[in-house]
N, C-alpha and C. Protein backbone atom coordinates (compact mmCIF):
# COMPACT_ATOMS: atom_id res chain seq x y z
N MET A 1 0.84 -1.20 0.00
CA MET A 1 0.01 0.01 0.00
C MET A 1 0.88 1.24 0.01
N ARG A 2 2.01 1.26 0.63
CA ARG A 2 2.80 2.45 0.75
C ARG A 2 3.44 2.81 -0.59
N ARG A 3 3.61 1.76 -1.47
CA ARG A 3 4.22 2.03 -2.75
C ARG A 3 3.23 2.92 -3.62
N TRP A 4 1.92 2.73 -3.38
CA TRP A 4 0.94 3.43 -4.23
C TRP A 4 -0.01 4.23 -3.37
N PRO A 5 0.49 5.27 -2.73
CA PRO A 5 -0.40 5.98 -1.74
C PRO A 5 -1.53 6.74 -2.41
N ASP A 6 -1.41 7.11 -3.66
CA ASP A 6 -2.46 7.91 -4.33
C ASP A 6 -3.33 7.22 -5.30
N VAL A 7 -3.54 5.93 -5.07
CA VAL A 7 -4.42 5.21 -6.03
C VAL A 7 -5.88 5.59 -5.76
N PRO A 8 -6.52 6.13 -6.75
CA PRO A 8 -7.98 6.59 -6.47
C PRO A 8 -8.89 5.46 -6.24
N ALA A 9 -9.89 5.64 -5.44
CA ALA A 9 -11.00 4.65 -5.25
C ALA A 9 -11.78 4.65 -6.55
N CYS A 10 -12.48 3.56 -6.72
CA CYS A 10 -13.20 3.32 -7.91
C CYS A 10 -14.74 3.29 -7.54
N TYR A 11 -15.58 4.04 -8.24
CA TYR A 11 -17.04 4.13 -7.92
C TYR A 11 -17.78 3.87 -9.24
N GLY A 12 -18.95 3.19 -8.96
CA GLY A 12 -19.85 3.02 -10.14
C GLY A 12 -19.54 1.81 -11.09
N TRP A 13 -18.54 1.00 -10.76
CA TRP A 13 -18.15 -0.06 -11.66
C TRP A 13 -18.77 -1.39 -11.13
N LEU A 14 -18.83 -1.60 -9.84
CA LEU A 14 -19.12 -2.88 -9.24
C LEU A 14 -20.42 -2.77 -8.50
N SER A 15 -21.30 -3.75 -8.70
CA SER A 15 -22.58 -3.75 -8.00
C SER A 15 -22.90 -5.12 -7.49
N LEU A 16 -23.81 -5.19 -6.50
CA LEU A 16 -24.28 -6.49 -5.95
C LEU A 16 -25.83 -6.46 -6.15
N ASP A 17 -26.40 -7.44 -6.96
CA ASP A 17 -27.81 -7.39 -7.26
C ASP A 17 -28.57 -8.10 -6.10
N ARG A 18 -29.83 -8.09 -6.17
CA ARG A 18 -30.65 -8.57 -5.13
C ARG A 18 -30.71 -10.12 -5.03
N ARG A 19 -30.01 -10.78 -5.90
CA ARG A 19 -29.87 -12.24 -5.77
C ARG A 19 -28.46 -12.65 -5.34
N GLY A 20 -27.69 -11.56 -5.07
CA GLY A 20 -26.25 -11.93 -4.51
C GLY A 20 -25.34 -12.12 -5.73
N HIS A 21 -25.61 -11.65 -6.80
CA HIS A 21 -24.65 -11.79 -7.97
C HIS A 21 -23.88 -10.45 -8.11
N TRP A 22 -22.58 -10.63 -8.40
CA TRP A 22 -21.73 -9.52 -8.67
C TRP A 22 -21.99 -9.06 -10.08
N ARG A 23 -21.99 -7.74 -10.29
CA ARG A 23 -22.11 -7.20 -11.65
C ARG A 23 -20.96 -6.16 -11.86
N LEU A 24 -20.31 -6.18 -12.97
CA LEU A 24 -19.23 -5.33 -13.33
C LEU A 24 -19.78 -4.53 -14.56
N ARG A 25 -19.94 -3.21 -14.24
CA ARG A 25 -20.54 -2.26 -15.22
C ARG A 25 -21.82 -2.81 -15.77
N GLY A 26 -22.73 -3.40 -14.85
CA GLY A 26 -23.96 -3.94 -15.22
C GLY A 26 -24.04 -5.30 -15.79
N GLU A 27 -22.90 -5.91 -16.11
CA GLU A 27 -22.85 -7.28 -16.64
C GLU A 27 -22.56 -8.23 -15.48
N ALA A 28 -23.33 -9.36 -15.57
CA ALA A 28 -23.08 -10.41 -14.48
C ALA A 28 -21.65 -10.97 -14.59
N VAL A 29 -21.03 -11.06 -13.47
CA VAL A 29 -19.64 -11.62 -13.36
C VAL A 29 -19.88 -13.24 -13.41
N SER A 30 -19.36 -13.87 -14.36
CA SER A 30 -19.59 -15.33 -14.49
C SER A 30 -18.30 -16.12 -14.27
N HIS A 31 -17.16 -15.38 -14.28
CA HIS A 31 -15.84 -16.07 -14.08
C HIS A 31 -15.68 -16.49 -12.63
N ARG A 32 -15.56 -17.80 -12.45
CA ARG A 32 -15.50 -18.30 -11.03
C ARG A 32 -14.37 -17.67 -10.24
N GLY A 33 -13.19 -17.58 -10.84
CA GLY A 33 -12.04 -16.94 -10.13
C GLY A 33 -12.29 -15.56 -9.71
N LEU A 34 -12.90 -14.77 -10.51
CA LEU A 34 -13.16 -13.35 -10.27
C LEU A 34 -14.28 -13.27 -9.16
N ASN A 35 -15.42 -14.15 -9.23
CA ASN A 35 -16.35 -14.24 -8.16
C ASN A 35 -15.66 -14.52 -6.84
N ASP A 36 -14.85 -15.51 -6.82
CA ASP A 36 -14.09 -15.93 -5.59
C ASP A 36 -13.32 -14.73 -4.99
N PHE A 37 -12.61 -14.06 -5.85
CA PHE A 37 -11.78 -12.95 -5.49
C PHE A 37 -12.70 -11.79 -4.89
N LEU A 38 -13.79 -11.54 -5.54
CA LEU A 38 -14.66 -10.49 -5.00
C LEU A 38 -15.23 -10.91 -3.61
N ASN A 39 -15.62 -12.15 -3.55
CA ASN A 39 -16.12 -12.62 -2.29
C ASN A 39 -15.17 -12.53 -1.06
N ARG A 40 -13.92 -12.87 -1.42
CA ARG A 40 -12.82 -12.87 -0.40
C ARG A 40 -12.55 -11.44 0.07
N ARG A 41 -12.58 -10.49 -0.85
CA ARG A 41 -12.17 -9.14 -0.54
C ARG A 41 -13.30 -8.19 -0.14
N TYR A 42 -14.52 -8.66 0.01
CA TYR A 42 -15.68 -7.84 0.29
C TYR A 42 -15.55 -7.39 1.72
N ALA A 43 -15.76 -6.06 1.98
CA ALA A 43 -15.61 -5.47 3.32
C ALA A 43 -16.43 -4.21 3.35
N HIS A 44 -16.35 -3.50 4.48
CA HIS A 44 -16.98 -2.21 4.64
C HIS A 44 -16.25 -1.31 5.52
N ASP A 45 -16.51 -0.05 5.43
CA ASP A 45 -15.80 0.89 6.32
C ASP A 45 -16.77 1.34 7.44
N ALA A 46 -16.29 2.21 8.31
CA ALA A 46 -17.10 2.65 9.47
C ALA A 46 -18.26 3.41 9.01
N ALA A 47 -18.28 4.01 7.93
CA ALA A 47 -19.40 4.86 7.46
C ALA A 47 -20.52 4.05 6.78
N GLY A 48 -20.30 2.68 6.55
CA GLY A 48 -21.31 1.82 6.02
C GLY A 48 -21.20 1.73 4.53
N ASN A 49 -20.04 2.13 3.98
CA ASN A 49 -19.77 1.90 2.53
C ASN A 49 -19.18 0.57 2.34
N TYR A 50 -19.66 -0.27 1.36
CA TYR A 50 -19.18 -1.55 1.07
C TYR A 50 -18.29 -1.49 -0.14
N PHE A 51 -17.25 -2.32 -0.08
CA PHE A 51 -16.21 -2.22 -1.17
C PHE A 51 -15.53 -3.52 -1.28
N VAL A 52 -14.75 -3.68 -2.37
CA VAL A 52 -13.89 -4.83 -2.54
C VAL A 52 -12.47 -4.17 -2.62
N GLN A 53 -11.56 -4.71 -1.78
CA GLN A 53 -10.20 -4.22 -1.69
C GLN A 53 -9.42 -4.95 -2.86
N ASN A 54 -9.01 -4.17 -3.80
CA ASN A 54 -8.26 -4.70 -4.98
C ASN A 54 -6.82 -4.10 -4.90
N GLY A 55 -5.99 -4.87 -4.19
CA GLY A 55 -4.58 -4.18 -3.96
C GLY A 55 -4.71 -2.94 -3.19
N PRO A 56 -4.10 -1.92 -3.70
CA PRO A 56 -4.13 -0.57 -2.96
C PRO A 56 -5.49 0.14 -3.25
N GLN A 57 -6.33 -0.36 -4.07
CA GLN A 57 -7.51 0.30 -4.54
C GLN A 57 -8.79 -0.23 -3.90
N ARG A 58 -9.64 0.61 -3.43
CA ARG A 58 -10.99 0.25 -2.94
C ARG A 58 -11.97 0.45 -4.14
N VAL A 59 -12.70 -0.62 -4.43
CA VAL A 59 -13.72 -0.57 -5.50
C VAL A 59 -15.04 -0.60 -4.70
N TYR A 60 -15.74 0.54 -4.71
CA TYR A 60 -17.02 0.66 -3.91
C TYR A 60 -18.13 -0.02 -4.65
N VAL A 61 -18.96 -0.66 -3.84
CA VAL A 61 -20.04 -1.50 -4.44
C VAL A 61 -21.41 -0.82 -4.30
N GLU A 62 -22.02 -0.78 -5.41
CA GLU A 62 -23.45 -0.20 -5.45
C GLU A 62 -24.34 -1.41 -5.03
N LEU A 63 -25.13 -1.19 -4.11
CA LEU A 63 -26.05 -2.30 -3.57
C LEU A 63 -27.45 -2.09 -4.14
N GLU A 64 -27.88 -3.11 -4.80
CA GLU A 64 -29.30 -3.03 -5.33
C GLU A 64 -30.32 -2.93 -4.18
N TYR A 65 -30.02 -3.64 -3.08
CA TYR A 65 -30.89 -3.51 -1.86
C TYR A 65 -30.00 -3.52 -0.62
N THR A 66 -29.59 -4.66 -0.16
CA THR A 66 -28.85 -4.70 1.08
C THR A 66 -27.38 -5.21 0.82
N PRO A 67 -26.48 -4.95 1.79
CA PRO A 67 -25.15 -5.43 1.65
C PRO A 67 -24.92 -6.98 1.70
N TRP A 68 -25.88 -7.71 2.24
CA TRP A 68 -25.82 -9.08 2.34
C TRP A 68 -27.07 -9.69 1.73
N ILE A 69 -26.85 -10.83 0.95
CA ILE A 69 -27.90 -11.58 0.44
C ILE A 69 -27.79 -12.98 0.99
N VAL A 70 -28.84 -13.55 1.43
CA VAL A 70 -28.76 -14.92 1.94
C VAL A 70 -29.71 -15.86 1.13
N ARG A 71 -29.24 -17.14 1.12
CA ARG A 71 -29.94 -18.19 0.44
C ARG A 71 -30.18 -19.38 1.36
N LEU A 72 -31.29 -20.03 1.14
CA LEU A 72 -31.56 -21.22 1.89
C LEU A 72 -30.81 -22.36 1.31
N VAL A 73 -29.82 -22.96 1.99
CA VAL A 73 -29.10 -24.06 1.51
C VAL A 73 -29.49 -25.51 2.01
N SER A 74 -30.26 -25.48 3.14
CA SER A 74 -30.91 -26.66 3.63
C SER A 74 -32.12 -26.19 4.43
N SER A 75 -32.85 -27.10 4.95
CA SER A 75 -34.15 -26.67 5.57
C SER A 75 -33.93 -25.64 6.80
N GLU A 76 -32.75 -25.67 7.45
CA GLU A 76 -32.52 -24.83 8.56
C GLU A 76 -31.18 -24.12 8.43
N THR A 77 -30.68 -23.93 7.26
CA THR A 77 -29.44 -23.24 7.12
C THR A 77 -29.41 -22.17 5.98
N LEU A 78 -28.99 -20.96 6.38
CA LEU A 78 -28.84 -19.91 5.36
C LEU A 78 -27.36 -19.73 5.14
N GLU A 79 -27.02 -19.22 3.90
CA GLU A 79 -25.69 -18.93 3.53
C GLU A 79 -25.67 -17.58 2.79
N THR A 80 -24.64 -16.79 3.14
CA THR A 80 -24.52 -15.46 2.50
C THR A 80 -24.05 -15.61 1.03
N HIS A 81 -24.20 -14.57 0.25
CA HIS A 81 -23.76 -14.56 -1.09
C HIS A 81 -22.29 -14.79 -1.28
N ILE A 82 -21.52 -14.69 -0.22
CA ILE A 82 -20.01 -14.94 -0.35
C ILE A 82 -19.72 -16.37 0.15
N GLY A 83 -20.75 -17.14 0.47
CA GLY A 83 -20.52 -18.55 0.81
C GLY A 83 -20.32 -18.84 2.30
N GLU A 84 -20.56 -17.86 3.25
CA GLU A 84 -20.45 -18.12 4.60
C GLU A 84 -21.80 -18.57 5.25
N THR A 85 -21.74 -19.62 6.07
CA THR A 85 -22.98 -20.02 6.70
C THR A 85 -23.33 -19.00 7.75
N VAL A 86 -24.61 -18.73 7.87
CA VAL A 86 -25.16 -17.79 8.78
C VAL A 86 -25.40 -18.58 10.18
N ASP A 87 -24.63 -18.10 11.11
CA ASP A 87 -24.71 -18.77 12.45
C ASP A 87 -26.07 -18.47 13.16
N GLN A 88 -26.45 -17.24 13.12
CA GLN A 88 -27.69 -16.84 13.83
C GLN A 88 -28.35 -15.71 13.19
N VAL A 89 -29.70 -15.84 13.17
CA VAL A 89 -30.58 -14.74 12.72
C VAL A 89 -31.02 -13.95 13.95
N LEU A 90 -30.65 -12.73 14.06
CA LEU A 90 -31.00 -11.95 15.28
C LEU A 90 -32.40 -11.31 15.22
N SER A 91 -32.91 -10.99 14.04
CA SER A 91 -34.26 -10.42 13.93
C SER A 91 -34.66 -10.66 12.46
N ALA A 92 -35.94 -10.48 12.25
CA ALA A 92 -36.52 -10.57 10.92
C ALA A 92 -37.39 -9.38 10.67
N ALA A 93 -37.55 -8.88 9.41
CA ALA A 93 -38.38 -7.82 9.00
C ALA A 93 -38.93 -8.18 7.62
N ILE A 94 -40.00 -7.50 7.34
CA ILE A 94 -40.65 -7.64 6.01
C ILE A 94 -40.93 -6.18 5.50
N ASP A 95 -40.68 -5.96 4.20
CA ASP A 95 -40.99 -4.64 3.63
C ASP A 95 -42.29 -4.60 2.96
N GLU A 96 -42.70 -3.47 2.43
CA GLU A 96 -44.01 -3.34 1.78
C GLU A 96 -44.06 -4.13 0.47
N GLU A 97 -43.00 -4.63 0.01
CA GLU A 97 -43.00 -5.40 -1.27
C GLU A 97 -43.10 -6.88 -0.94
N GLY A 98 -43.00 -7.26 0.34
CA GLY A 98 -43.00 -8.65 0.76
C GLY A 98 -41.58 -9.28 0.83
N ASN A 99 -40.52 -8.52 0.69
CA ASN A 99 -39.16 -8.98 0.83
C ASN A 99 -38.90 -9.27 2.35
N LEU A 100 -38.24 -10.43 2.59
CA LEU A 100 -37.84 -10.73 3.97
C LEU A 100 -36.36 -10.29 4.18
N LEU A 101 -36.17 -9.70 5.31
CA LEU A 101 -34.81 -9.21 5.67
C LEU A 101 -34.42 -9.85 6.97
N PHE A 102 -33.14 -10.13 7.16
CA PHE A 102 -32.67 -10.76 8.38
C PHE A 102 -31.51 -9.98 8.91
N ASP A 103 -31.44 -9.68 10.20
CA ASP A 103 -30.25 -9.15 10.83
C ASP A 103 -29.44 -10.32 11.14
N ILE A 104 -28.29 -10.54 10.46
CA ILE A 104 -27.47 -11.71 10.70
C ILE A 104 -26.13 -11.41 11.45
N GLY A 105 -26.22 -10.35 12.25
CA GLY A 105 -25.02 -9.98 13.09
C GLY A 105 -24.02 -9.16 12.30
N ILE A 106 -23.60 -9.63 11.10
CA ILE A 106 -22.62 -8.77 10.35
C ILE A 106 -23.32 -7.70 9.61
N GLY A 107 -24.57 -7.74 9.52
CA GLY A 107 -25.38 -6.73 8.81
C GLY A 107 -26.72 -7.19 8.38
N ILE A 108 -27.46 -6.36 7.66
CA ILE A 108 -28.77 -6.78 7.18
C ILE A 108 -28.62 -7.55 5.89
N ALA A 109 -29.48 -8.54 5.83
CA ALA A 109 -29.45 -9.45 4.63
C ALA A 109 -30.87 -9.55 4.04
N LEU A 110 -30.86 -9.50 2.74
CA LEU A 110 -32.12 -9.76 1.99
C LEU A 110 -32.18 -11.25 1.70
N LEU A 111 -33.26 -11.90 1.93
CA LEU A 111 -33.47 -13.30 1.44
C LEU A 111 -33.69 -13.28 -0.04
N CYS A 112 -32.91 -14.10 -0.75
CA CYS A 112 -33.12 -14.25 -2.19
C CYS A 112 -34.57 -14.55 -2.49
N ASP A 113 -35.10 -13.96 -3.42
CA ASP A 113 -36.52 -14.07 -3.75
C ASP A 113 -36.84 -15.55 -4.22
N ARG A 114 -35.92 -16.32 -4.64
CA ARG A 114 -36.16 -17.73 -5.01
C ARG A 114 -36.47 -18.52 -3.77
N ASP A 115 -36.14 -18.04 -2.54
CA ASP A 115 -36.34 -18.81 -1.36
C ASP A 115 -37.53 -18.33 -0.56
N LEU A 116 -38.22 -17.28 -1.10
CA LEU A 116 -39.42 -16.74 -0.36
C LEU A 116 -40.48 -17.83 -0.12
N PRO A 117 -40.85 -18.67 -1.03
CA PRO A 117 -41.89 -19.68 -0.83
C PRO A 117 -41.61 -20.53 0.41
N SER A 118 -40.37 -20.95 0.64
CA SER A 118 -39.99 -21.74 1.75
C SER A 118 -40.23 -21.02 3.06
N PHE A 119 -40.00 -19.66 3.03
CA PHE A 119 -40.21 -18.91 4.33
C PHE A 119 -41.63 -18.47 4.54
N ILE A 120 -42.40 -18.27 3.51
CA ILE A 120 -43.80 -17.99 3.72
C ILE A 120 -44.41 -19.12 4.49
N GLU A 121 -44.05 -20.33 4.29
CA GLU A 121 -44.58 -21.49 5.07
C GLU A 121 -44.16 -21.40 6.48
N ARG A 122 -43.17 -20.64 6.87
CA ARG A 122 -42.68 -20.62 8.22
C ARG A 122 -43.27 -19.43 9.04
N LEU A 123 -44.19 -18.66 8.36
CA LEU A 123 -44.86 -17.49 9.08
C LEU A 123 -46.00 -18.04 9.85
N HIS A 124 -46.16 -17.56 11.06
CA HIS A 124 -47.21 -18.05 11.96
C HIS A 124 -47.89 -16.78 12.61
N ILE A 125 -49.05 -17.03 13.12
CA ILE A 125 -49.72 -15.99 13.91
C ILE A 125 -49.46 -16.34 15.34
N GLU A 126 -49.86 -15.41 16.23
CA GLU A 126 -49.55 -15.50 17.72
C GLU A 126 -49.97 -16.83 18.28
N ASN A 127 -51.03 -17.41 17.89
CA ASN A 127 -51.48 -18.62 18.55
C ASN A 127 -50.66 -19.89 18.11
N GLY A 128 -49.74 -19.73 17.18
CA GLY A 128 -48.95 -20.87 16.63
C GLY A 128 -49.43 -21.40 15.35
N GLU A 129 -50.59 -20.99 14.92
CA GLU A 129 -51.14 -21.51 13.62
C GLU A 129 -50.35 -20.88 12.48
N PRO A 130 -50.22 -21.63 11.36
CA PRO A 130 -49.56 -21.09 10.21
C PRO A 130 -50.36 -19.89 9.73
N ALA A 131 -49.69 -18.81 9.27
CA ALA A 131 -50.41 -17.69 8.67
C ALA A 131 -50.73 -18.02 7.23
N ASP A 132 -52.00 -17.74 6.89
CA ASP A 132 -52.42 -18.00 5.48
C ASP A 132 -51.97 -16.81 4.68
N GLU A 133 -52.03 -17.05 3.33
CA GLU A 133 -51.57 -16.08 2.44
C GLU A 133 -52.33 -14.75 2.62
N LYS A 134 -53.65 -14.90 2.83
CA LYS A 134 -54.57 -13.64 2.95
C LYS A 134 -53.98 -12.74 4.16
N THR A 135 -53.73 -13.42 5.28
CA THR A 135 -53.23 -12.74 6.53
C THR A 135 -51.86 -12.07 6.18
N VAL A 136 -50.95 -12.72 5.54
CA VAL A 136 -49.67 -12.23 5.20
C VAL A 136 -49.74 -11.05 4.35
N LEU A 137 -50.53 -11.15 3.24
CA LEU A 137 -50.74 -10.09 2.29
C LEU A 137 -51.39 -8.89 2.95
N ALA A 138 -52.39 -9.04 3.83
CA ALA A 138 -53.02 -8.04 4.56
C ALA A 138 -52.07 -7.22 5.44
N ALA A 139 -51.25 -8.05 6.10
CA ALA A 139 -50.16 -7.43 7.01
C ALA A 139 -49.15 -6.57 6.17
N ILE A 140 -48.73 -7.05 5.07
CA ILE A 140 -47.84 -6.34 4.18
C ILE A 140 -48.52 -5.07 3.75
N ASP A 141 -49.76 -5.14 3.26
CA ASP A 141 -50.46 -3.96 2.74
C ASP A 141 -50.70 -2.95 3.82
N ASP A 142 -50.97 -3.38 5.04
CA ASP A 142 -51.22 -2.43 6.17
C ASP A 142 -49.90 -1.86 6.77
N GLY A 143 -48.88 -2.61 6.58
CA GLY A 143 -47.51 -2.24 7.22
C GLY A 143 -47.54 -2.55 8.69
N THR A 144 -48.42 -3.43 9.12
CA THR A 144 -48.53 -3.85 10.52
C THR A 144 -48.44 -5.36 10.58
N VAL A 145 -47.35 -5.86 11.11
CA VAL A 145 -47.13 -7.32 11.13
C VAL A 145 -47.15 -7.80 12.58
N ASP A 146 -47.67 -6.98 13.45
CA ASP A 146 -47.81 -7.34 14.82
C ASP A 146 -48.55 -8.70 14.95
N GLY A 147 -47.95 -9.57 15.75
CA GLY A 147 -48.55 -10.93 15.93
C GLY A 147 -48.05 -11.93 14.95
N LEU A 148 -47.33 -11.56 13.85
CA LEU A 148 -46.76 -12.54 12.98
C LEU A 148 -45.32 -12.83 13.42
N TYR A 149 -45.00 -14.07 13.31
CA TYR A 149 -43.56 -14.41 13.67
C TYR A 149 -43.12 -15.47 12.66
N LEU A 150 -41.77 -15.57 12.63
CA LEU A 150 -41.12 -16.52 11.75
C LEU A 150 -40.54 -17.68 12.61
N ALA A 151 -40.94 -18.92 12.23
CA ALA A 151 -40.45 -20.05 12.93
C ALA A 151 -39.14 -20.42 12.23
N TRP A 152 -37.95 -20.30 12.97
CA TRP A 152 -36.67 -20.44 12.35
C TRP A 152 -35.79 -21.10 13.43
N GLN A 153 -35.16 -22.18 13.09
CA GLN A 153 -34.25 -22.91 14.04
C GLN A 153 -34.74 -23.05 15.45
N LYS A 154 -35.96 -23.49 15.60
CA LYS A 154 -36.64 -23.82 16.82
C LYS A 154 -36.83 -22.52 17.63
N ARG A 155 -36.90 -21.38 17.01
CA ARG A 155 -37.14 -20.11 17.68
C ARG A 155 -38.32 -19.42 16.97
N ARG A 156 -38.94 -18.47 17.76
CA ARG A 156 -39.98 -17.62 17.23
C ARG A 156 -39.35 -16.20 17.04
N LEU A 157 -39.17 -15.79 15.84
CA LEU A 157 -38.64 -14.49 15.59
C LEU A 157 -39.78 -13.54 15.24
N PRO A 158 -40.11 -12.59 16.03
CA PRO A 158 -41.18 -11.65 15.73
C PRO A 158 -40.80 -10.94 14.45
N LEU A 159 -41.76 -10.70 13.62
CA LEU A 159 -41.61 -10.06 12.32
C LEU A 159 -41.86 -8.56 12.52
N HIS A 160 -40.97 -7.69 12.05
CA HIS A 160 -41.12 -6.24 12.05
C HIS A 160 -41.35 -5.79 10.69
N ALA A 161 -42.16 -4.71 10.58
CA ALA A 161 -42.42 -4.10 9.33
C ALA A 161 -41.41 -2.99 9.07
N ILE A 162 -40.97 -2.81 7.88
CA ILE A 162 -40.13 -1.71 7.51
C ILE A 162 -40.33 -1.34 6.06
N ARG A 163 -40.24 -0.07 5.79
CA ARG A 163 -40.40 0.37 4.43
C ARG A 163 -39.02 0.41 3.82
N ARG A 164 -39.00 -0.04 2.55
CA ARG A 164 -37.76 -0.19 1.81
C ARG A 164 -36.88 1.05 1.82
N PRO A 165 -37.39 2.23 1.60
CA PRO A 165 -36.52 3.41 1.67
C PRO A 165 -35.85 3.65 3.05
N GLU A 166 -36.43 3.07 4.11
CA GLU A 166 -35.86 3.27 5.51
C GLU A 166 -34.73 2.26 5.84
N VAL A 167 -34.65 1.23 5.06
CA VAL A 167 -33.66 0.15 5.33
C VAL A 167 -32.21 0.66 5.43
N PRO A 168 -31.65 1.34 4.45
CA PRO A 168 -30.27 1.84 4.56
C PRO A 168 -30.01 2.68 5.87
N ARG A 169 -30.84 3.58 6.19
CA ARG A 169 -30.59 4.41 7.35
C ARG A 169 -30.75 3.56 8.60
N HIS A 170 -31.77 2.75 8.70
CA HIS A 170 -32.08 1.92 9.86
C HIS A 170 -30.90 0.93 10.17
N TYR A 171 -30.39 0.35 9.11
CA TYR A 171 -29.33 -0.60 9.31
C TYR A 171 -27.94 -0.11 8.99
N ARG A 172 -27.86 1.25 8.81
CA ARG A 172 -26.57 1.92 8.77
C ARG A 172 -25.65 1.43 7.68
N PHE A 173 -26.11 1.46 6.44
CA PHE A 173 -25.21 1.26 5.28
C PHE A 173 -25.50 2.17 4.14
N VAL A 174 -24.62 2.35 3.25
CA VAL A 174 -24.72 3.29 2.12
C VAL A 174 -24.93 2.45 0.84
N PRO A 175 -26.19 2.59 0.24
CA PRO A 175 -26.45 1.74 -0.90
C PRO A 175 -25.67 2.14 -2.17
N SER A 176 -25.31 3.43 -2.22
CA SER A 176 -24.65 3.96 -3.41
C SER A 176 -23.46 4.87 -2.97
N PRO A 177 -22.36 4.26 -2.71
CA PRO A 177 -21.18 5.10 -2.18
C PRO A 177 -20.76 6.19 -3.28
N GLN A 178 -20.37 7.29 -2.81
CA GLN A 178 -19.98 8.41 -3.72
C GLN A 178 -18.71 8.95 -3.14
N PRO A 179 -17.81 9.47 -4.10
CA PRO A 179 -16.63 10.13 -3.72
C PRO A 179 -16.96 11.29 -2.78
N ALA A 180 -16.07 11.59 -1.77
CA ALA A 180 -16.34 12.68 -0.76
C ALA A 180 -16.54 13.97 -1.45
N ASP A 181 -15.84 14.30 -2.53
CA ASP A 181 -15.93 15.60 -3.15
C ASP A 181 -17.17 15.79 -3.92
N THR A 182 -18.09 14.82 -4.17
CA THR A 182 -19.27 14.93 -4.78
C THR A 182 -20.46 15.05 -3.86
N LEU A 183 -20.19 14.93 -2.58
CA LEU A 183 -21.27 14.88 -1.51
C LEU A 183 -21.72 16.25 -1.10
N SER A 184 -21.06 17.32 -1.54
CA SER A 184 -21.48 18.61 -1.12
C SER A 184 -22.70 19.22 -1.85
């Protein structure tokens, strides 16, 4: 790093889509080695900007929704988009579009939409009965999910409602990092 102290950061080139796929200038990254490199170098700073460290250069990541995407890899196991097993889900939320979000300790994660049907079956009402589709849709429309909980790993996780525009501020991340000189 000391050899190249003035390497500028890179903005607007790398993004993470809502299914956990890397995109370089809008194109899906399909090269396994490049995907592995991006996964290993994914990090964030204290301000909530996510980036990939490429030698002396930080390549900031545009986030389509959240900084972490999780997928269901077995009936009781979630895995992040970088291939790490999620040890614990601290809380669960649902937005006005029906997206499920999980606080996984390292940050907020969006459940990949392909796994939503498996989790809808895990939603229950206060008395323990499974929540039917009508109840879930009404709760999403009203923005009130009081009494709904997610049955996950032998726990009852109360479901919280959140509006999508509030997610970055509430969970303290920057969805679209910008150079400091453009923020004024």
